[in-house]
Amino acid sequence: MQSSIKVCFKKFADFSGRASRSEFWWFQLFYIIVIIVAAIFDSFYVDNSQNMGPVELVSYLILLLPSLAVTARRLHDVDKSGWWMLIALTLIGLIPLFVWYVSVGTKKKNKFGPPLKLKK
């Protein structure tokens, strides 16, 4: 988990290349945990239950770009353009996105780069 998070922050604005399933899912788990902890923290210190508190907002803004970048790289791993993440705006587009997120990446070089070599 730590190595996936480090890679995502190291490549926080790198929309090229490929990302493994584990890198993508570990970062998404980290993202959810940070946002939940920030929301809980804000609920104790900010009396504003209808909007994001300041800690949650800052956390969201800090994690937005790395999250978009790892999502684009994950789509590249299954030989799709990163722009496909925009189909999530249609809601029905979440279905193919989820399928692509859990799919095994291409085993051969694709237009986004060579296959990932994972350490065991």
PDB file of N, CA and C in Angstrom:
ATOM      1  N   MET A   1       0.833  -1.197   0.000  1.00  0.00           N
ATOM      2  CA  MET A   1       0.000   0.000   0.000  1.00  0.00           C
ATOM      3  C   MET A   1       0.869   1.249   0.000  1.00  0.00           C
ATOM      4  N   GLN A   2       1.907   1.255   0.834  1.00  0.00           N
ATOM      5  CA  GLN A   2       2.770   2.432   0.918  1.00  0.00           C
ATOM      6  C   GLN A   2       3.456   2.721  -0.405  1.00  0.00           C
ATOM      7  N   SER A   3       3.923   1.682  -1.075  1.00  0.00           N
ATOM      8  CA  SER A   3       4.621   1.911  -2.344  1.00  0.00           C
ATOM      9  C   SER A   3       3.664   2.455  -3.403  1.00  0.00           C
ATOM     10  N   SER A   4       2.417   2.001  -3.401  1.00  0.00           N
ATOM     11  CA  SER A   4       1.435   2.515  -4.354  1.00  0.00           C
ATOM     12  C   SER A   4       1.158   3.993  -4.104  1.00  0.00           C
ATOM     13  N   ILE A   5       1.039   4.362  -2.852  1.00  0.00           N
ATOM     14  CA  ILE A   5       0.780   5.758  -2.509  1.00  0.00           C
ATOM     15  C   ILE A   5       1.983   6.628  -2.877  1.00  0.00           C
ATOM     16  N   LYS A   6       3.186   6.125  -2.594  1.00  0.00           N
ATOM     17  CA  LYS A   6       4.397   6.870  -2.950  1.00  0.00           C
ATOM     18  C   LYS A   6       4.490   7.082  -4.457  1.00  0.00           C
ATOM     19  N   VAL A   7       4.203   6.030  -5.215  1.00  0.00           N
ATOM     20  CA  VAL A   7       4.254   6.147  -6.675  1.00  0.00           C
ATOM     21  C   VAL A   7       3.233   7.168  -7.164  1.00  0.00           C
ATOM     22  N   CYS A   8       2.041   7.131  -6.607  1.00  0.00           N
ATOM     23  CA  CYS A   8       0.996   8.062  -7.047  1.00  0.00           C
ATOM     24  C   CYS A   8       1.346   9.507  -6.723  1.00  0.00           C
ATOM     25  N   PHE A   9       1.972   9.747  -5.576  1.00  0.00           N
ATOM     26  CA  PHE A   9       2.375  11.117  -5.263  1.00  0.00           C
ATOM     27  C   PHE A   9       3.612  11.527  -6.051  1.00  0.00           C
ATOM     28  N   LYS A  10       4.472  10.569  -6.354  1.00  0.00           N
ATOM     29  CA  LYS A  10       5.649  10.875  -7.169  1.00  0.00           C
ATOM     30  C   LYS A  10       5.227  11.233  -8.593  1.00  0.00           C
ATOM     31  N   LYS A  11       4.200  10.552  -9.088  1.00  0.00           N
ATOM     32  CA  LYS A  11       3.669  10.811 -10.428  1.00  0.00           C
ATOM     33  C   LYS A  11       2.341  11.560 -10.330  1.00  0.00           C
ATOM     34  N   PHE A  12       2.239  12.508  -9.409  1.00  0.00           N
ATOM     35  CA  PHE A  12       0.941  13.120  -9.097  1.00  0.00           C
ATOM     36  C   PHE A  12       0.298  13.830 -10.278  1.00  0.00           C
ATOM     37  N   ALA A  13       1.090  14.281 -11.244  1.00  0.00           N
ATOM     38  CA  ALA A  13       0.516  14.950 -12.403  1.00  0.00           C
ATOM     39  C   ALA A  13       0.963  14.279 -13.695  1.00  0.00           C
ATOM     40  N   ASP A  14       1.376  13.028 -13.609  1.00  0.00           N
ATOM     41  CA  ASP A  14       1.846  12.287 -14.772  1.00  0.00           C
ATOM     42  C   ASP A  14       0.708  11.440 -15.312  1.00  0.00           C
ATOM     43  N   PHE A  15       0.155  11.886 -16.423  1.00  0.00           N
ATOM     44  CA  PHE A  15      -0.972  11.188 -17.026  1.00  0.00           C
ATOM     45  C   PHE A  15      -0.517  10.223 -18.113  1.00  0.00           C
ATOM     46  N   SER A  16       0.786  10.016 -18.239  1.00  0.00           N
ATOM     47  CA  SER A  16       1.307   9.086 -19.238  1.00  0.00           C
ATOM     48  C   SER A  16       1.792   7.822 -18.546  1.00  0.00           C
ATOM     49  N   GLY A  17       1.885   6.761 -19.313  1.00  0.00           N
ATOM     50  CA  GLY A  17       2.323   5.500 -18.748  1.00  0.00           C
ATOM     51  C   GLY A  17       1.145   4.651 -18.303  1.00  0.00           C
ATOM     52  N   ARG A  18       1.461   3.660 -17.484  1.00  0.00           N
ATOM     53  CA  ARG A  18       0.456   2.695 -17.067  1.00  0.00           C
ATOM     54  C   ARG A  18       0.504   2.506 -15.559  1.00  0.00           C
ATOM     55  N   ALA A  19      -0.629   2.112 -14.980  1.00  0.00           N
ATOM     56  CA  ALA A  19      -0.721   1.837 -13.542  1.00  0.00           C
ATOM     57  C   ALA A  19      -1.355   0.470 -13.344  1.00  0.00           C
ATOM     58  N   SER A  20      -0.787  -0.307 -12.451  1.00  0.00           N
ATOM     59  CA  SER A  20      -1.320  -1.639 -12.170  1.00  0.00           C
ATOM     60  C   SER A  20      -2.635  -1.539 -11.399  1.00  0.00           C
ATOM     61  N   ARG A  21      -3.336  -2.652 -11.372  1.00  0.00           N
ATOM     62  CA  ARG A  21      -4.580  -2.689 -10.601  1.00  0.00           C
ATOM     63  C   ARG A  21      -4.312  -2.399  -9.142  1.00  0.00           C
ATOM     64  N   SER A  22      -3.253  -2.998  -8.586  1.00  0.00           N
ATOM     65  CA  SER A  22      -2.973  -2.799  -7.160  1.00  0.00           C
ATOM     66  C   SER A  22      -2.633  -1.340  -6.858  1.00  0.00           C
ATOM     67  N   GLU A  23      -1.850  -0.715  -7.723  1.00  0.00           N
ATOM     68  CA  GLU A  23      -1.515   0.699  -7.512  1.00  0.00           C
ATOM     69  C   GLU A  23      -2.788   1.545  -7.500  1.00  0.00           C
ATOM     70  N   PHE A  24      -3.665   1.302  -8.455  1.00  0.00           N
ATOM     71  CA  PHE A  24      -4.913   2.051  -8.553  1.00  0.00           C
ATOM     72  C   PHE A  24      -5.798   1.836  -7.328  1.00  0.00           C
ATOM     73  N   TRP A  25      -6.038   0.569  -6.960  1.00  0.00           N
ATOM     74  CA  TRP A  25      -6.969   0.277  -5.870  1.00  0.00           C
ATOM     75  C   TRP A  25      -6.414   0.674  -4.506  1.00  0.00           C
ATOM     76  N   TRP A  26      -5.117   0.509  -4.280  1.00  0.00           N
ATOM     77  CA  TRP A  26      -4.552   0.952  -3.005  1.00  0.00           C
ATOM     78  C   TRP A  26      -4.660   2.465  -2.865  1.00  0.00           C
ATOM     79  N   PHE A  27      -4.420   3.177  -3.965  1.00  0.00           N
ATOM     80  CA  PHE A  27      -4.547   4.631  -3.871  1.00  0.00           C
ATOM     81  C   PHE A  27      -5.997   5.036  -3.652  1.00  0.00           C
ATOM     82  N   GLN A  28      -6.951   4.358  -4.270  1.00  0.00           N
ATOM     83  CA  GLN A  28      -8.362   4.684  -4.060  1.00  0.00           C
ATOM     84  C   GLN A  28      -8.771   4.431  -2.611  1.00  0.00           C
ATOM     85  N   LEU A  29      -8.276   3.348  -2.028  1.00  0.00           N
ATOM     86  CA  LEU A  29      -8.548   3.070  -0.611  1.00  0.00           C
ATOM     87  C   LEU A  29      -7.964   4.176   0.269  1.00  0.00           C
ATOM     88  N   PHE A  30      -6.729   4.567  -0.003  1.00  0.00           N
ATOM     89  CA  PHE A  30      -6.087   5.656   0.732  1.00  0.00           C
ATOM     90  C   PHE A  30      -6.906   6.942   0.604  1.00  0.00           C
ATOM     91  N   TYR A  31      -7.361   7.245  -0.603  1.00  0.00           N
ATOM     92  CA  TYR A  31      -8.165   8.437  -0.880  1.00  0.00           C
ATOM     93  C   TYR A  31      -9.444   8.438  -0.032  1.00  0.00           C
ATOM     94  N   ILE A  32     -10.133   7.321  -0.008  1.00  0.00           N
ATOM     95  CA  ILE A  32     -11.380   7.221   0.752  1.00  0.00           C
ATOM     96  C   ILE A  32     -11.116   7.380   2.251  1.00  0.00           C
ATOM     97  N   ILE A  33     -10.070   6.734   2.742  1.00  0.00           N
ATOM     98  CA  ILE A  33      -9.743   6.834   4.175  1.00  0.00           C
ATOM     99  C   ILE A  33      -9.424   8.275   4.554  1.00  0.00           C
ATOM    100  N   VAL A  34      -8.611   8.951   3.746  1.00  0.00           N
ATOM    101  CA  VAL A  34      -8.243  10.341   4.046  1.00  0.00           C
ATOM    102  C   VAL A  34      -9.480  11.241   4.063  1.00  0.00           C
ATOM    103  N   ILE A  35     -10.355  11.095   3.095  1.00  0.00           N
ATOM    104  CA  ILE A  35     -11.554  11.937   3.022  1.00  0.00           C
ATOM    105  C   ILE A  35     -12.474  11.663   4.213  1.00  0.00           C
ATOM    106  N   ILE A  36     -12.624  10.400   4.595  1.00  0.00           N
ATOM    107  CA  ILE A  36     -13.477  10.064   5.747  1.00  0.00           C
ATOM    108  C   ILE A  36     -12.888  10.629   7.037  1.00  0.00           C
ATOM    109  N   VAL A  37     -11.590  10.459   7.230  1.00  0.00           N
ATOM    110  CA  VAL A  37     -10.941  10.992   8.436  1.00  0.00           C
ATOM    111  C   VAL A  37     -11.058  12.509   8.472  1.00  0.00           C
ATOM    112  N   ALA A  38     -10.863  13.160   7.328  1.00  0.00           N
ATOM    113  CA  ALA A  38     -10.985  14.619   7.273  1.00  0.00           C
ATOM    114  C   ALA A  38     -12.415  15.062   7.588  1.00  0.00           C
ATOM    115  N   ALA A  39     -13.402  14.337   7.083  1.00  0.00           N
ATOM    116  CA  ALA A  39     -14.796  14.686   7.357  1.00  0.00           C
ATOM    117  C   ALA A  39     -15.118  14.508   8.840  1.00  0.00           C
ATOM    118  N   ILE A  40     -14.599  13.447   9.440  1.00  0.00           N
ATOM    119  CA  ILE A  40     -14.817  13.229  10.875  1.00  0.00           C
ATOM    120  C   ILE A  40     -14.145  14.327  11.684  1.00  0.00           C
ATOM    121  N   PHE A  41     -12.920  14.677  11.304  1.00  0.00           N
ATOM    122  CA  PHE A  41     -12.201  15.758  11.988  1.00  0.00           C
ATOM    123  C   PHE A  41     -12.983  17.062  11.899  1.00  0.00           C
ATOM    124  N   ASP A  42     -13.464  17.371  10.702  1.00  0.00           N
ATOM    125  CA  ASP A  42     -14.246  18.600  10.523  1.00  0.00           C
ATOM    126  C   ASP A  42     -15.542  18.569  11.322  1.00  0.00           C
ATOM    127  N   SER A  43     -16.163  17.414  11.449  1.00  0.00           N
ATOM    128  CA  SER A  43     -17.420  17.332  12.189  1.00  0.00           C
ATOM    129  C   SER A  43     -17.222  17.655  13.669  1.00  0.00           C
ATOM    130  N   PHE A  44     -16.034  17.400  14.205  1.00  0.00           N
ATOM    131  CA  PHE A  44     -15.746  17.733  15.594  1.00  0.00           C
ATOM    132  C   PHE A  44     -15.472  19.216  15.797  1.00  0.00           C
ATOM    133  N   TYR A  45     -14.885  19.861  14.798  1.00  0.00           N
ATOM    134  CA  TYR A  45     -14.402  21.229  14.986  1.00  0.00           C
ATOM    135  C   TYR A  45     -15.140  22.293  14.195  1.00  0.00           C
ATOM    136  N   VAL A  46     -15.933  21.894  13.223  1.00  0.00           N
ATOM    137  CA  VAL A  46     -16.651  22.872  12.402  1.00  0.00           C
ATOM    138  C   VAL A  46     -18.134  22.566  12.491  1.00  0.00           C
ATOM    139  N   ASP A  47     -18.923  23.573  12.804  1.00  0.00           N
ATOM    140  CA  ASP A  47     -20.367  23.388  12.918  1.00  0.00           C
ATOM    141  C   ASP A  47     -21.034  23.745  11.586  1.00  0.00           C
ATOM    142  N   ASN A  48     -20.755  22.915  10.570  1.00  0.00           N
ATOM    143  CA  ASN A  48     -21.310  23.147   9.243  1.00  0.00           C
ATOM    144  C   ASN A  48     -21.552  21.791   8.601  1.00  0.00           C
ATOM    145  N   SER A  49     -22.695  21.211   8.860  1.00  0.00           N
ATOM    146  CA  SER A  49     -22.957  19.841   8.417  1.00  0.00           C
ATOM    147  C   SER A  49     -23.383  19.730   6.949  1.00  0.00           C
ATOM    148  N   GLN A  50     -23.648  20.837   6.273  1.00  0.00           N
ATOM    149  CA  GLN A  50     -24.149  20.760   4.917  1.00  0.00           C
ATOM    150  C   GLN A  50     -23.065  20.868   3.859  1.00  0.00           C
ATOM    151  N   ASN A  51     -21.926  21.431   4.187  1.00  0.00           N
ATOM    152  CA  ASN A  51     -20.849  21.605   3.221  1.00  0.00           C
ATOM    153  C   ASN A  51     -19.593  20.921   3.717  1.00  0.00           C
ATOM    154  N   MET A  52     -18.612  20.861   2.835  1.00  0.00           N
ATOM    155  CA  MET A  52     -17.316  20.330   3.240  1.00  0.00           C
ATOM    156  C   MET A  52     -16.669  21.283   4.227  1.00  0.00           C
ATOM    157  N   GLY A  53     -16.038  20.705   5.227  1.00  0.00           N
ATOM    158  CA  GLY A  53     -15.261  21.516   6.140  1.00  0.00           C
ATOM    159  C   GLY A  53     -13.917  21.844   5.515  1.00  0.00           C
ATOM    160  N   PRO A  54     -13.145  22.704   6.153  1.00  0.00           N
ATOM    161  CA  PRO A  54     -11.869  23.125   5.563  1.00  0.00           C
ATOM    162  C   PRO A  54     -10.858  21.990   5.413  1.00  0.00           C
ATOM    163  N   VAL A  55     -10.774  21.097   6.378  1.00  0.00           N
ATOM    164  CA  VAL A  55      -9.812  19.999   6.284  1.00  0.00           C
ATOM    165  C   VAL A  55     -10.218  19.032   5.170  1.00  0.00           C
ATOM    166  N   GLU A  56     -11.491  18.744   5.081  1.00  0.00           N
ATOM    167  CA  GLU A  56     -11.978  17.860   4.023  1.00  0.00           C
ATOM    168  C   GLU A  56     -11.760  18.484   2.649  1.00  0.00           C
ATOM    169  N   LEU A  57     -12.026  19.763   2.511  1.00  0.00           N
ATOM    170  CA  LEU A  57     -11.839  20.453   1.244  1.00  0.00           C
ATOM    171  C   LEU A  57     -10.370  20.454   0.824  1.00  0.00           C
ATOM    172  N   VAL A  58      -9.473  20.756   1.748  1.00  0.00           N
ATOM    173  CA  VAL A  58      -8.040  20.764   1.437  1.00  0.00           C
ATOM    174  C   VAL A  58      -7.580  19.354   1.068  1.00  0.00           C
ATOM    175  N   SER A  59      -8.041  18.353   1.799  1.00  0.00           N
ATOM    176  CA  SER A  59      -7.688  16.962   1.497  1.00  0.00           C
ATOM    177  C   SER A  59      -8.168  16.572   0.101  1.00  0.00           C
ATOM    178  N   TYR A  60      -9.383  16.944  -0.197  1.00  0.00           N
ATOM    179  CA  TYR A  60      -9.951  16.641  -1.510  1.00  0.00           C
ATOM    180  C   TYR A  60      -9.128  17.301  -2.613  1.00  0.00           C
ATOM    181  N   LEU A  61      -8.789  18.562  -2.438  1.00  0.00           N
ATOM    182  CA  LEU A  61      -8.033  19.284  -3.461  1.00  0.00           C
ATOM    183  C   LEU A  61      -6.622  18.729  -3.637  1.00  0.00           C
ATOM    184  N   ILE A  62      -5.990  18.327  -2.539  1.00  0.00           N
ATOM    185  CA  ILE A  62      -4.641  17.767  -2.619  1.00  0.00           C
ATOM    186  C   ILE A  62      -4.657  16.425  -3.343  1.00  0.00           C
ATOM    187  N   LEU A  63      -5.674  15.621  -3.110  1.00  0.00           N
ATOM    188  CA  LEU A  63      -5.729  14.278  -3.674  1.00  0.00           C
ATOM    189  C   LEU A  63      -6.401  14.200  -5.048  1.00  0.00           C
ATOM    190  N   LEU A  64      -7.009  15.278  -5.503  1.00  0.00           N
ATOM    191  CA  LEU A  64      -7.733  15.253  -6.772  1.00  0.00           C
ATOM    192  C   LEU A  64      -6.823  14.956  -7.960  1.00  0.00           C
ATOM    193  N   LEU A  65      -5.748  15.697  -8.114  1.00  0.00           N
ATOM    194  CA  LEU A  65      -4.869  15.512  -9.268  1.00  0.00           C
ATOM    195  C   LEU A  65      -4.186  14.145  -9.270  1.00  0.00           C
ATOM    196  N   PRO A  66      -3.617  13.678  -8.143  1.00  0.00           N
ATOM    197  CA  PRO A  66      -3.055  12.323  -8.168  1.00  0.00           C
ATOM    198  C   PRO A  66      -4.095  11.243  -8.475  1.00  0.00           C
ATOM    199  N   SER A  67      -5.319  11.433  -8.006  1.00  0.00           N
ATOM    200  CA  SER A  67      -6.374  10.460  -8.265  1.00  0.00           C
ATOM    201  C   SER A  67      -6.736  10.426  -9.757  1.00  0.00           C
ATOM    202  N   LEU A  68      -6.845  11.584 -10.371  1.00  0.00           N
ATOM    203  CA  LEU A  68      -7.132  11.633 -11.807  1.00  0.00           C
ATOM    204  C   LEU A  68      -5.986  11.021 -12.612  1.00  0.00           C
ATOM    205  N   ALA A  69      -4.754  11.291 -12.193  1.00  0.00           N
ATOM    206  CA  ALA A  69      -3.593  10.772 -12.918  1.00  0.00           C
ATOM    207  C   ALA A  69      -3.517   9.254 -12.829  1.00  0.00           C
ATOM    208  N   VAL A  70      -3.708   8.694 -11.636  1.00  0.00           N
ATOM    209  CA  VAL A  70      -3.642   7.230 -11.504  1.00  0.00           C
ATOM    210  C   VAL A  70      -4.813   6.581 -12.238  1.00  0.00           C
ATOM    211  N   THR A  71      -5.948   7.232 -12.303  1.00  0.00           N
ATOM    212  CA  THR A  71      -7.087   6.697 -13.045  1.00  0.00           C
ATOM    213  C   THR A  71      -6.778   6.669 -14.534  1.00  0.00           C
ATOM    214  N   ALA A  72      -6.185   7.733 -15.050  1.00  0.00           N
ATOM    215  CA  ALA A  72      -5.808   7.760 -16.468  1.00  0.00           C
ATOM    216  C   ALA A  72      -4.774   6.682 -16.764  1.00  0.00           C
ATOM    217  N   ARG A  73      -3.782   6.533 -15.883  1.00  0.00           N
ATOM    218  CA  ARG A  73      -2.760   5.503 -16.099  1.00  0.00           C
ATOM    219  C   ARG A  73      -3.362   4.098 -16.017  1.00  0.00           C
ATOM    220  N   ARG A  74      -4.364   3.909 -15.148  1.00  0.00           N
ATOM    221  CA  ARG A  74      -5.024   2.599 -15.051  1.00  0.00           C
ATOM    222  C   ARG A  74      -5.758   2.287 -16.343  1.00  0.00           C
ATOM    223  N   LEU A  75      -6.437   3.279 -16.908  1.00  0.00           N
ATOM    224  CA  LEU A  75      -7.122   3.072 -18.184  1.00  0.00           C
ATOM    225  C   LEU A  75      -6.109   2.791 -19.294  1.00  0.00           C
ATOM    226  N   HIS A  76      -4.951   3.436 -19.235  1.00  0.00           N
ATOM    227  CA  HIS A  76      -3.906   3.163 -20.223  1.00  0.00           C
ATOM    228  C   HIS A  76      -3.465   1.707 -20.149  1.00  0.00           C
ATOM    229  N   ASP A  77      -3.443   1.135 -18.951  1.00  0.00           N
ATOM    230  CA  ASP A  77      -3.002  -0.249 -18.785  1.00  0.00           C
ATOM    231  C   ASP A  77      -3.931  -1.222 -19.503  1.00  0.00           C
ATOM    232  N   VAL A  78      -5.201  -0.872 -19.624  1.00  0.00           N
ATOM    233  CA  VAL A  78      -6.145  -1.723 -20.354  1.00  0.00           C
ATOM    234  C   VAL A  78      -6.357  -1.213 -21.780  1.00  0.00           C
ATOM    235  N   ASP A  79      -5.407  -0.388 -22.242  1.00  0.00           N
ATOM    236  CA  ASP A  79      -5.372   0.129 -23.619  1.00  0.00           C
ATOM    237  C   ASP A  79      -6.559   1.034 -23.957  1.00  0.00           C
ATOM    238  N   LYS A  80      -6.951   1.854 -22.996  1.00  0.00           N
ATOM    239  CA  LYS A  80      -7.996   2.862 -23.218  1.00  0.00           C
ATOM    240  C   LYS A  80      -7.396   4.244 -22.951  1.00  0.00           C
ATOM    241  N   SER A  81      -7.928   5.245 -23.586  1.00  0.00           N
ATOM    242  CA  SER A  81      -7.495   6.610 -23.340  1.00  0.00           C
ATOM    243  C   SER A  81      -7.969   7.062 -21.960  1.00  0.00           C
ATOM    244  N   GLY A  82      -7.197   7.920 -21.326  1.00  0.00           N
ATOM    245  CA  GLY A  82      -7.585   8.459 -20.025  1.00  0.00           C
ATOM    246  C   GLY A  82      -8.858   9.283 -20.092  1.00  0.00           C
ATOM    247  N   TRP A  83      -9.183   9.772 -21.268  1.00  0.00           N
ATOM    248  CA  TRP A  83     -10.402  10.565 -21.436  1.00  0.00           C
ATOM    249  C   TRP A  83     -11.660   9.732 -21.201  1.00  0.00           C
ATOM    250  N   TRP A  84     -11.541   8.408 -21.235  1.00  0.00           N
ATOM    251  CA  TRP A  84     -12.700   7.554 -20.986  1.00  0.00           C
ATOM    252  C   TRP A  84     -13.249   7.736 -19.582  1.00  0.00           C
ATOM    253  N   MET A  85     -12.456   8.281 -18.663  1.00  0.00           N
ATOM    254  CA  MET A  85     -12.985   8.475 -17.308  1.00  0.00           C
ATOM    255  C   MET A  85     -14.146   9.467 -17.288  1.00  0.00           C
ATOM    256  N   LEU A  86     -14.272  10.263 -18.341  1.00  0.00           N
ATOM    257  CA  LEU A  86     -15.378  11.229 -18.410  1.00  0.00           C
ATOM    258  C   LEU A  86     -16.741  10.556 -18.576  1.00  0.00           C
ATOM    259  N   ILE A  87     -16.768   9.296 -19.001  1.00  0.00           N
ATOM    260  CA  ILE A  87     -18.075   8.635 -19.139  1.00  0.00           C
ATOM    261  C   ILE A  87     -18.723   8.397 -17.782  1.00  0.00           C
ATOM    262  N   ALA A  88     -17.978   8.588 -16.709  1.00  0.00           N
ATOM    263  CA  ALA A  88     -18.571   8.477 -15.376  1.00  0.00           C
ATOM    264  C   ALA A  88     -19.632   9.555 -15.169  1.00  0.00           C
ATOM    265  N   LEU A  89     -19.548  10.626 -15.914  1.00  0.00           N
ATOM    266  CA  LEU A  89     -20.532  11.707 -15.795  1.00  0.00           C
ATOM    267  C   LEU A  89     -21.922  11.259 -16.244  1.00  0.00           C
ATOM    268  N   THR A  90     -21.997  10.196 -17.018  1.00  0.00           N
ATOM    269  CA  THR A  90     -23.298   9.705 -17.488  1.00  0.00           C
ATOM    270  C   THR A  90     -23.933   8.718 -16.516  1.00  0.00           C
ATOM    271  N   LEU A  91     -23.268   8.374 -15.444  1.00  0.00           N
ATOM    272  CA  LEU A  91     -23.662   7.401 -14.439  1.00  0.00           C
ATOM    273  C   LEU A  91     -23.698   5.975 -14.982  1.00  0.00           C
ATOM    274  N   ILE A  92     -24.318   5.739 -16.124  1.00  0.00           N
ATOM    275  CA  ILE A  92     -24.288   4.396 -16.706  1.00  0.00           C
ATOM    276  C   ILE A  92     -22.865   4.049 -17.130  1.00  0.00           C
ATOM    277  N   GLY A  93     -22.055   5.070 -17.364  1.00  0.00           N
ATOM    278  CA  GLY A  93     -20.659   4.866 -17.729  1.00  0.00           C
ATOM    279  C   GLY A  93     -19.816   4.299 -16.605  1.00  0.00           C
ATOM    280  N   LEU A  94     -20.346   4.302 -15.378  1.00  0.00           N
ATOM    281  CA  LEU A  94     -19.603   3.718 -14.257  1.00  0.00           C
ATOM    282  C   LEU A  94     -19.427   2.209 -14.427  1.00  0.00           C
ATOM    283  N   ILE A  95     -20.338   1.587 -15.137  1.00  0.00           N
ATOM    284  CA  ILE A  95     -20.260   0.129 -15.319  1.00  0.00           C
ATOM    285  C   ILE A  95     -19.034  -0.260 -16.149  1.00  0.00           C
ATOM    286  N   PRO A  96     -18.865   0.281 -17.367  1.00  0.00           N
ATOM    287  CA  PRO A  96     -17.648  -0.100 -18.103  1.00  0.00           C
ATOM    288  C   PRO A  96     -16.372   0.378 -17.408  1.00  0.00           C
ATOM    289  N   LEU A  97     -16.428   1.524 -16.747  1.00  0.00           N
ATOM    290  CA  LEU A  97     -15.242   1.987 -16.026  1.00  0.00           C
ATOM    291  C   LEU A  97     -14.833   0.988 -14.954  1.00  0.00           C
ATOM    292  N   PHE A  98     -15.784   0.514 -14.186  1.00  0.00           N
ATOM    293  CA  PHE A  98     -15.475  -0.452 -13.145  1.00  0.00           C
ATOM    294  C   PHE A  98     -14.891  -1.731 -13.746  1.00  0.00           C
ATOM    295  N   VAL A  99     -15.461  -2.181 -14.849  1.00  0.00           N
ATOM    296  CA  VAL A  99     -14.950  -3.382 -15.521  1.00  0.00           C
ATOM    297  C   VAL A  99     -13.502  -3.157 -15.945  1.00  0.00           C
ATOM    298  N   TRP A 100     -13.197  -1.991 -16.494  1.00  0.00           N
ATOM    299  CA  TRP A 100     -11.823  -1.697 -16.914  1.00  0.00           C
ATOM    300  C   TRP A 100     -10.891  -1.589 -15.718  1.00  0.00           C
ATOM    301  N   TYR A 101     -11.382  -1.031 -14.622  1.00  0.00           N
ATOM    302  CA  TYR A 101     -10.541  -0.881 -13.427  1.00  0.00           C
ATOM    303  C   TYR A 101     -10.130  -2.228 -12.844  1.00  0.00           C
ATOM    304  N   VAL A 102     -11.008  -3.230 -12.949  1.00  0.00           N
ATOM    305  CA  VAL A 102     -10.691  -4.535 -12.367  1.00  0.00           C
ATOM    306  C   VAL A 102     -10.083  -5.500 -13.380  1.00  0.00           C
ATOM    307  N   SER A 103     -10.027  -5.110 -14.641  1.00  0.00           N
ATOM    308  CA  SER A 103      -9.479  -5.979 -15.678  1.00  0.00           C
ATOM    309  C   SER A 103      -7.962  -6.045 -15.600  1.00  0.00           C
ATOM    310  N   VAL A 104      -7.443  -7.168 -16.059  1.00  0.00           N
ATOM    311  CA  VAL A 104      -5.995  -7.330 -16.169  1.00  0.00           C
ATOM    312  C   VAL A 104      -5.518  -6.464 -17.325  1.00  0.00           C
ATOM    313  N   GLY A 105      -4.401  -5.791 -17.132  1.00  0.00           N
ATOM    314  CA  GLY A 105      -3.843  -4.951 -18.187  1.00  0.00           C
ATOM    315  C   GLY A 105      -3.318  -5.781 -19.341  1.00  0.00           C
ATOM    316  N   THR A 106      -3.071  -5.127 -20.455  1.00  0.00           N
ATOM    317  CA  THR A 106      -2.543  -5.839 -21.612  1.00  0.00           C
ATOM    318  C   THR A 106      -1.147  -6.371 -21.294  1.00  0.00           C
ATOM    319  N   LYS A 107      -0.884  -7.575 -21.747  1.00  0.00           N
ATOM    320  CA  LYS A 107       0.391  -8.243 -21.449  1.00  0.00           C
ATOM    321  C   LYS A 107       1.518  -7.763 -22.348  1.00  0.00           C
ATOM    322  N   LYS A 108       1.174  -7.190 -23.477  1.00  0.00           N
ATOM    323  CA  LYS A 108       2.183  -6.726 -24.431  1.00  0.00           C
ATOM    324  C   LYS A 108       2.217  -5.205 -24.434  1.00  0.00           C
ATOM    325  N   LYS A 109       3.210  -4.668 -25.090  1.00  0.00           N
ATOM    326  CA  LYS A 109       3.326  -3.221 -25.215  1.00  0.00           C
ATOM    327  C   LYS A 109       2.100  -2.691 -25.953  1.00  0.00           C
ATOM    328  N   ASN A 110       1.542  -1.622 -25.426  1.00  0.00           N
ATOM    329  CA  ASN A 110       0.446  -0.965 -26.134  1.00  0.00           C
ATOM    330  C   ASN A 110       0.876   0.475 -26.432  1.00  0.00           C
ATOM    331  N   LYS A 111      -0.019   1.283 -26.944  1.00  0.00           N
ATOM    332  CA  LYS A 111       0.355   2.644 -27.340  1.00  0.00           C
ATOM    333  C   LYS A 111       0.721   3.538 -26.155  1.00  0.00           C
ATOM    334  N   PHE A 112       0.495   3.061 -24.927  1.00  0.00           N
ATOM    335  CA  PHE A 112       0.793   3.844 -23.739  1.00  0.00           C
ATOM    336  C   PHE A 112       2.080   3.411 -23.049  1.00  0.00           C
ATOM    337  N   GLY A 113       2.707   2.352 -23.552  1.00  0.00           N
ATOM    338  CA  GLY A 113       3.981   1.940 -22.985  1.00  0.00           C
ATOM    339  C   GLY A 113       4.097   0.437 -22.835  1.00  0.00           C
ATOM    340  N   PRO A 114       5.250   0.009 -22.325  1.00  0.00           N
ATOM    341  CA  PRO A 114       5.478  -1.426 -22.137  1.00  0.00           C
ATOM    342  C   PRO A 114       4.660  -1.959 -20.966  1.00  0.00           C
ATOM    343  N   PRO A 115       4.502  -3.282 -20.904  1.00  0.00           N
ATOM    344  CA  PRO A 115       3.754  -3.859 -19.778  1.00  0.00           C
ATOM    345  C   PRO A 115       4.483  -3.604 -18.459  1.00  0.00           C
ATOM    346  N   LEU A 116       3.715  -3.594 -17.396  1.00  0.00           N
ATOM    347  CA  LEU A 116       4.271  -3.337 -16.075  1.00  0.00           C
ATOM    348  C   LEU A 116       4.980  -4.569 -15.558  1.00  0.00           C
ATOM    349  N   LYS A 117       6.112  -4.354 -14.955  1.00  0.00           N
ATOM    350  CA  LYS A 117       6.837  -5.441 -14.302  1.00  0.00           C
ATOM    351  C   LYS A 117       6.673  -5.251 -12.802  1.00  0.00           C
ATOM    352  N   LEU A 118       5.878  -6.110 -12.186  1.00  0.00           N
ATOM    353  CA  LEU A 118       5.588  -5.987 -10.775  1.00  0.00           C
ATOM    354  C   LEU A 118       6.605  -6.780  -9.945  1.00  0.00           C
ATOM    355  N   LYS A 119       7.009  -6.182  -8.834  1.00  0.00           N
ATOM    356  CA  LYS A 119       7.915  -6.868  -7.917  1.00  0.00           C
ATOM    357  C   LYS A 119       7.114  -7.850  -7.080  1.00  0.00           C
ATOM    358  N   LYS A 120       7.705  -9.010  -6.818  1.00  0.00           N
ATOM    359  CA  LYS A 120       7.019 -10.000  -5.995  1.00  0.00           C
ATOM    360  C   LYS A 120       7.636 -10.072  -4.632  1.00  0.00           C
TER     361      LYS A 120
END
